Amino acid sequence: MHKLKTILLVDDDDATNYLHEIHLNNLNVAGNILKVHNGKQALDLLFSGKLLIPDLIILDINMPIINGWVFLEEYSKLRDSETSKIIMVTASINPLDETKGKTHPYVLDFIGKPLNENKFIKILNLMKN
């Protein structure tokens, strides 16, 4: 399986970030896994220039300060932003969120939380195409 340089987890729930990190480490698919708790922290990190654009961003929709939708709007202004693959995740059952996520040009897929190893394998296979 191809190893990614960096994966950025953006979720306000510590348990979800922790669980996703465990699955990714078990699959040994990333050299670096970074975790932040909201879209503002993610944007600050990305715009600081201290981090190369991640290969993969796992982005929650419902977060305080800056949610996933606002993050996507701001992220599109970042140079080279199109190089990242973004997976939107949510516990929401709102079909409008799913439609909006699946039709956004930067979003590779929209998946219900929590992710497990099989869902991560599916994501990695999508990234190959």
Protein backbone atom coordinates (compact mmCIF):
# COMPACT_ATOMS: atom_id res chain seq x y z
CA MET A 1 0.00 0.00 0.00
CA HIS A 2 1.32 3.45 -0.94
CA LYS A 3 2.46 5.45 2.09
CA LEU A 4 1.30 9.06 2.35
CA LYS A 5 3.60 11.77 3.68
CA THR A 6 1.05 13.63 5.79
CA ILE A 7 -2.55 13.16 6.88
CA LEU A 8 -4.38 15.97 8.68
CA LEU A 9 -7.27 15.03 10.98
CA VAL A 10 -9.67 17.94 11.60
CA ASP A 11 -12.28 17.07 14.21
CA ASP A 12 -13.39 18.69 17.46
CA ASP A 13 -13.89 15.30 19.10
CA ASP A 14 -10.69 14.00 20.73
CA ALA A 15 -11.96 10.42 20.83
CA THR A 16 -12.67 10.45 17.08
CA ASN A 17 -9.24 11.88 16.28
CA TYR A 18 -7.63 9.28 18.55
CA LEU A 19 -9.58 6.40 16.99
CA HIS A 20 -8.78 7.54 13.45
CA GLU A 21 -5.10 7.90 14.35
CA ILE A 22 -5.02 4.34 15.74
CA HIS A 23 -6.55 2.92 12.55
CA LEU A 24 -4.14 4.86 10.34
CA ASN A 25 -1.16 3.75 12.43
CA ASN A 26 -2.35 0.12 12.28
CA LEU A 27 -2.46 0.39 8.49
CA ASN A 28 0.96 2.11 8.45
CA VAL A 29 -0.14 4.46 5.66
CA ALA A 30 1.32 7.81 6.73
CA GLY A 31 4.66 9.18 7.76
CA ASN A 32 3.02 11.98 9.71
CA ILE A 33 -0.46 12.28 11.24
CA LEU A 34 -1.45 15.70 12.54
CA LYS A 35 -4.57 16.47 14.58
CA VAL A 36 -6.41 19.75 15.08
CA HIS A 37 -9.77 20.50 16.67
CA ASN A 38 -11.45 22.90 14.25
CA GLY A 39 -11.23 24.49 10.84
CA LYS A 40 -9.49 27.61 12.17
CA GLN A 41 -6.63 25.60 13.65
CA ALA A 42 -6.32 23.69 10.37
CA LEU A 43 -6.28 26.88 8.28
CA ASP A 44 -3.78 28.55 10.63
CA LEU A 45 -1.49 25.54 10.27
CA LEU A 46 -1.85 25.37 6.50
CA PHE A 47 -1.45 29.12 5.90
CA SER A 48 1.54 29.35 8.27
CA GLY A 49 3.77 27.75 5.65
CA LYS A 50 5.19 25.40 8.30
CA LEU A 51 3.40 22.43 6.78
CA LEU A 52 3.45 21.15 3.24
CA ILE A 53 -0.02 20.59 1.85
CA PRO A 54 -1.18 17.25 3.32
CA ASP A 55 -1.84 14.32 1.01
CA LEU A 56 -5.12 13.66 2.80
CA ILE A 57 -7.39 15.75 5.02
CA ILE A 58 -10.09 14.01 7.06
CA LEU A 59 -12.52 16.87 7.72
CA ASP A 60 -15.47 16.89 10.11
CA ILE A 61 -18.45 19.04 9.13
CA ASN A 62 -19.81 20.16 12.50
CA MET A 63 -17.11 21.90 14.55
CA PRO A 64 -16.93 25.08 16.63
CA ILE A 65 -15.24 28.29 15.45
CA ILE A 66 -14.89 27.29 11.77
CA ASN A 67 -16.89 24.32 10.51
CA GLY A 68 -16.02 22.06 7.59
CA TRP A 69 -17.95 24.08 5.01
CA VAL A 70 -16.25 27.36 5.89
CA PHE A 71 -12.91 25.55 5.98
CA LEU A 72 -13.46 24.42 2.37
CA GLU A 73 -14.21 27.99 1.25
CA GLU A 74 -11.05 29.35 2.86
CA TYR A 75 -8.92 26.36 1.90
CA SER A 76 -9.68 26.93 -1.78
CA LYS A 77 -7.70 30.21 -1.53
CA LEU A 78 -4.56 28.33 -0.53
CA ARG A 79 -1.94 27.85 -3.22
CA ASP A 80 -1.70 24.19 -4.27
CA SER A 81 -4.85 23.35 -2.31
CA GLU A 82 -6.03 21.10 -5.14
CA THR A 83 -3.20 18.68 -4.39
CA SER A 84 -4.86 17.45 -1.18
CA LYS A 85 -7.60 14.87 -1.15
CA ILE A 86 -10.35 15.73 1.32
CA ILE A 87 -12.70 13.24 2.92
CA MET A 88 -15.62 14.82 4.75
CA VAL A 89 -16.85 12.91 7.77
CA THR A 90 -19.90 13.46 9.91
CA ALA A 91 -22.28 11.88 12.34
CA SER A 92 -25.05 13.90 10.66
CA ILE A 93 -27.77 12.08 8.79
CA ASN A 94 -28.74 15.19 6.82
CA PRO A 95 -28.94 14.15 3.15
CA LEU A 96 -28.25 17.76 2.09
CA ASP A 97 -24.83 17.58 3.77
CA GLU A 98 -24.02 14.41 1.84
CA THR A 99 -25.12 15.90 -1.49
CA LYS A 100 -23.18 19.11 -0.86
CA GLY A 101 -20.08 17.17 0.19
CA LYS A 102 -20.11 14.73 -2.71
CA THR A 103 -20.50 17.52 -5.27
CA HIS A 104 -17.80 19.82 -3.87
CA PRO A 105 -14.79 19.92 -6.23
CA TYR A 106 -12.23 19.41 -3.44
CA VAL A 107 -14.06 16.57 -1.69
CA LEU A 108 -13.12 13.06 -2.73
CA ASP A 109 -15.81 11.37 -0.64
CA PHE A 110 -18.32 11.89 2.16
CA ILE A 111 -18.34 9.17 4.83
CA GLY A 112 -20.20 8.63 8.09
CA LYS A 113 -18.27 8.61 11.36
CA PRO A 114 -16.50 6.88 12.86
CA LEU A 115 -14.09 5.57 10.26
CA ASN A 116 -12.66 2.09 10.61
CA GLU A 117 -9.78 0.34 8.88
CA ASN A 118 -12.00 -0.88 6.03
CA LYS A 119 -13.23 2.66 5.38
CA PHE A 120 -9.64 3.92 5.38
CA ILE A 121 -8.66 1.22 2.88
CA LYS A 122 -11.57 2.37 0.68
CA ILE A 123 -10.31 5.97 0.95
CA LEU A 124 -6.77 4.96 0.00
CA ASN A 125 -8.08 3.04 -2.99
CA LEU A 126 -10.09 6.10 -4.09
CA MET A 127 -6.93 8.20 -3.87
CA LYS A 128 -5.16 5.91 -6.35
CA ASN A 129 -7.71 6.72 -9.06
